[in-house]
Amino acid sequence: MSDIPLVNALVYAGLGVVLFLAAFAVVRRMIPLDLWKEIGQERNVAAAIVAGAALLGLAWIIAATLH
């Protein structure tokens, strides 16, 4: 990449966010229910735990890959 550390950090951060959002969109499609409706309207704690676990897992994988 570039010799400027700030540019490298911004590029990798942007790439990480894009990959994270794309991967979470895939996870949302794989779950057989409307995740946001279950969490927001139905107050489904189990759905919130599943969403949180998916988010953390994806974040760790992407962070390890980009590190």
C-alpha atoms as a PDB file:
ATOM      1  CA  MET A   1       0.000   0.000   0.000  1.00  0.00           C
ATOM      2  CA  SER A   2       1.124   3.495   0.774  1.00  0.00           C
ATOM      3  CA  ASP A   3       4.083   4.682   2.834  1.00  0.00           C
ATOM      4  CA  ILE A   4       1.782   6.909   4.869  1.00  0.00           C
ATOM      5  CA  PRO A   5       0.454   5.030   7.941  1.00  0.00           C
ATOM      6  CA  LEU A   6      -2.694   7.155   8.243  1.00  0.00           C
ATOM      7  CA  VAL A   7      -3.728   6.346   4.668  1.00  0.00           C
ATOM      8  CA  ASN A   8      -3.109   2.651   5.298  1.00  0.00           C
ATOM      9  CA  ALA A   9      -5.207   2.750   8.463  1.00  0.00           C
ATOM     10  CA  LEU A  10      -8.092   4.496   6.697  1.00  0.00           C
ATOM     11  CA  VAL A  11      -8.019   2.099   3.747  1.00  0.00           C
ATOM     12  CA  TYR A  12      -7.987  -0.995   5.968  1.00  0.00           C
ATOM     13  CA  ALA A  13     -10.669   0.426   8.263  1.00  0.00           C
ATOM     14  CA  GLY A  14     -12.908   1.195   5.304  1.00  0.00           C
ATOM     15  CA  LEU A  15     -12.310  -2.239   3.825  1.00  0.00           C
ATOM     16  CA  GLY A  16     -13.088  -3.855   7.172  1.00  0.00           C
ATOM     17  CA  VAL A  17     -16.366  -1.960   7.534  1.00  0.00           C
ATOM     18  CA  VAL A  18     -17.461  -2.841   3.992  1.00  0.00           C
ATOM     19  CA  LEU A  19     -16.637  -6.529   4.499  1.00  0.00           C
ATOM     20  CA  PHE A  20     -18.374  -6.505   7.868  1.00  0.00           C
ATOM     21  CA  LEU A  21     -21.579  -5.030   6.464  1.00  0.00           C
ATOM     22  CA  ALA A  22     -21.591  -7.417   3.508  1.00  0.00           C
ATOM     23  CA  ALA A  23     -21.053 -10.437   5.741  1.00  0.00           C
ATOM     24  CA  PHE A  24     -23.777  -9.343   8.153  1.00  0.00           C
ATOM     25  CA  ALA A  25     -26.179  -8.900   5.243  1.00  0.00           C
ATOM     26  CA  VAL A  26     -25.502 -12.525   4.294  1.00  0.00           C
ATOM     27  CA  VAL A  27     -26.113 -13.643   7.890  1.00  0.00           C
ATOM     28  CA  ARG A  28     -29.413 -11.721   7.985  1.00  0.00           C
ATOM     29  CA  ARG A  29     -30.549 -13.514   4.819  1.00  0.00           C
ATOM     30  CA  MET A  30     -29.667 -16.901   6.311  1.00  0.00           C
ATOM     31  CA  ILE A  31     -31.764 -16.364   9.445  1.00  0.00           C
ATOM     32  CA  PRO A  32     -35.371 -17.455   8.753  1.00  0.00           C
ATOM     33  CA  LEU A  33     -37.011 -14.482  10.498  1.00  0.00           C
ATOM     34  CA  ASP A  34     -37.033 -10.695  10.376  1.00  0.00           C
ATOM     35  CA  LEU A  35     -34.244 -10.013  12.843  1.00  0.00           C
ATOM     36  CA  TRP A  36     -34.937  -6.313  13.419  1.00  0.00           C
ATOM     37  CA  LYS A  37     -38.656  -6.934  13.985  1.00  0.00           C
ATOM     38  CA  GLU A  38     -37.910  -9.675  16.487  1.00  0.00           C
ATOM     39  CA  ILE A  39     -35.464  -7.524  18.423  1.00  0.00           C
ATOM     40  CA  GLY A  40     -37.285  -4.197  18.260  1.00  0.00           C
ATOM     41  CA  GLN A  41     -40.980  -5.007  18.357  1.00  0.00           C
ATOM     42  CA  GLU A  42     -41.139  -8.467  19.881  1.00  0.00           C
ATOM     43  CA  ARG A  43     -38.318  -7.841  22.410  1.00  0.00           C
ATOM     44  CA  ASN A  44     -36.854 -11.258  21.590  1.00  0.00           C
ATOM     45  CA  VAL A  45     -33.710 -11.586  23.703  1.00  0.00           C
ATOM     46  CA  ALA A  46     -32.608 -14.768  21.925  1.00  0.00           C
ATOM     47  CA  ALA A  47     -32.676 -12.989  18.552  1.00  0.00           C
ATOM     48  CA  ALA A  48     -30.593 -10.158  20.004  1.00  0.00           C
ATOM     49  CA  ILE A  49     -28.054 -12.658  21.328  1.00  0.00           C
ATOM     50  CA  VAL A  50     -27.834 -14.363  17.922  1.00  0.00           C
ATOM     51  CA  ALA A  51     -27.348 -11.004  16.186  1.00  0.00           C
ATOM     52  CA  GLY A  52     -24.712  -9.940  18.705  1.00  0.00           C
ATOM     53  CA  ALA A  53     -22.845 -13.234  18.410  1.00  0.00           C
ATOM     54  CA  ALA A  54     -22.867 -12.998  14.616  1.00  0.00           C
ATOM     55  CA  LEU A  55     -21.603  -9.417  14.762  1.00  0.00           C
ATOM     56  CA  LEU A  56     -18.791 -10.256  17.174  1.00  0.00           C
ATOM     57  CA  GLY A  57     -17.758 -13.339  15.216  1.00  0.00           C
ATOM     58  CA  LEU A  58     -17.635 -11.437  11.941  1.00  0.00           C
ATOM     59  CA  ALA A  59     -15.749  -8.554  13.530  1.00  0.00           C
ATOM     60  CA  TRP A  60     -13.109 -10.874  14.988  1.00  0.00           C
ATOM     61  CA  ILE A  61     -12.614 -12.714  11.705  1.00  0.00           C
ATOM     62  CA  ILE A  62     -12.290  -9.511   9.683  1.00  0.00           C
ATOM     63  CA  ALA A  63      -9.993  -7.892  12.268  1.00  0.00           C
ATOM     64  CA  ALA A  64      -7.731 -10.944  12.300  1.00  0.00           C
ATOM     65  CA  THR A  65      -7.660 -11.054   8.518  1.00  0.00           C
ATOM     66  CA  LEU A  66      -6.787  -7.390   8.117  1.00  0.00           C
ATOM     67  CA  HIS A  67      -4.283  -7.337  10.945  1.00  0.00           C
END
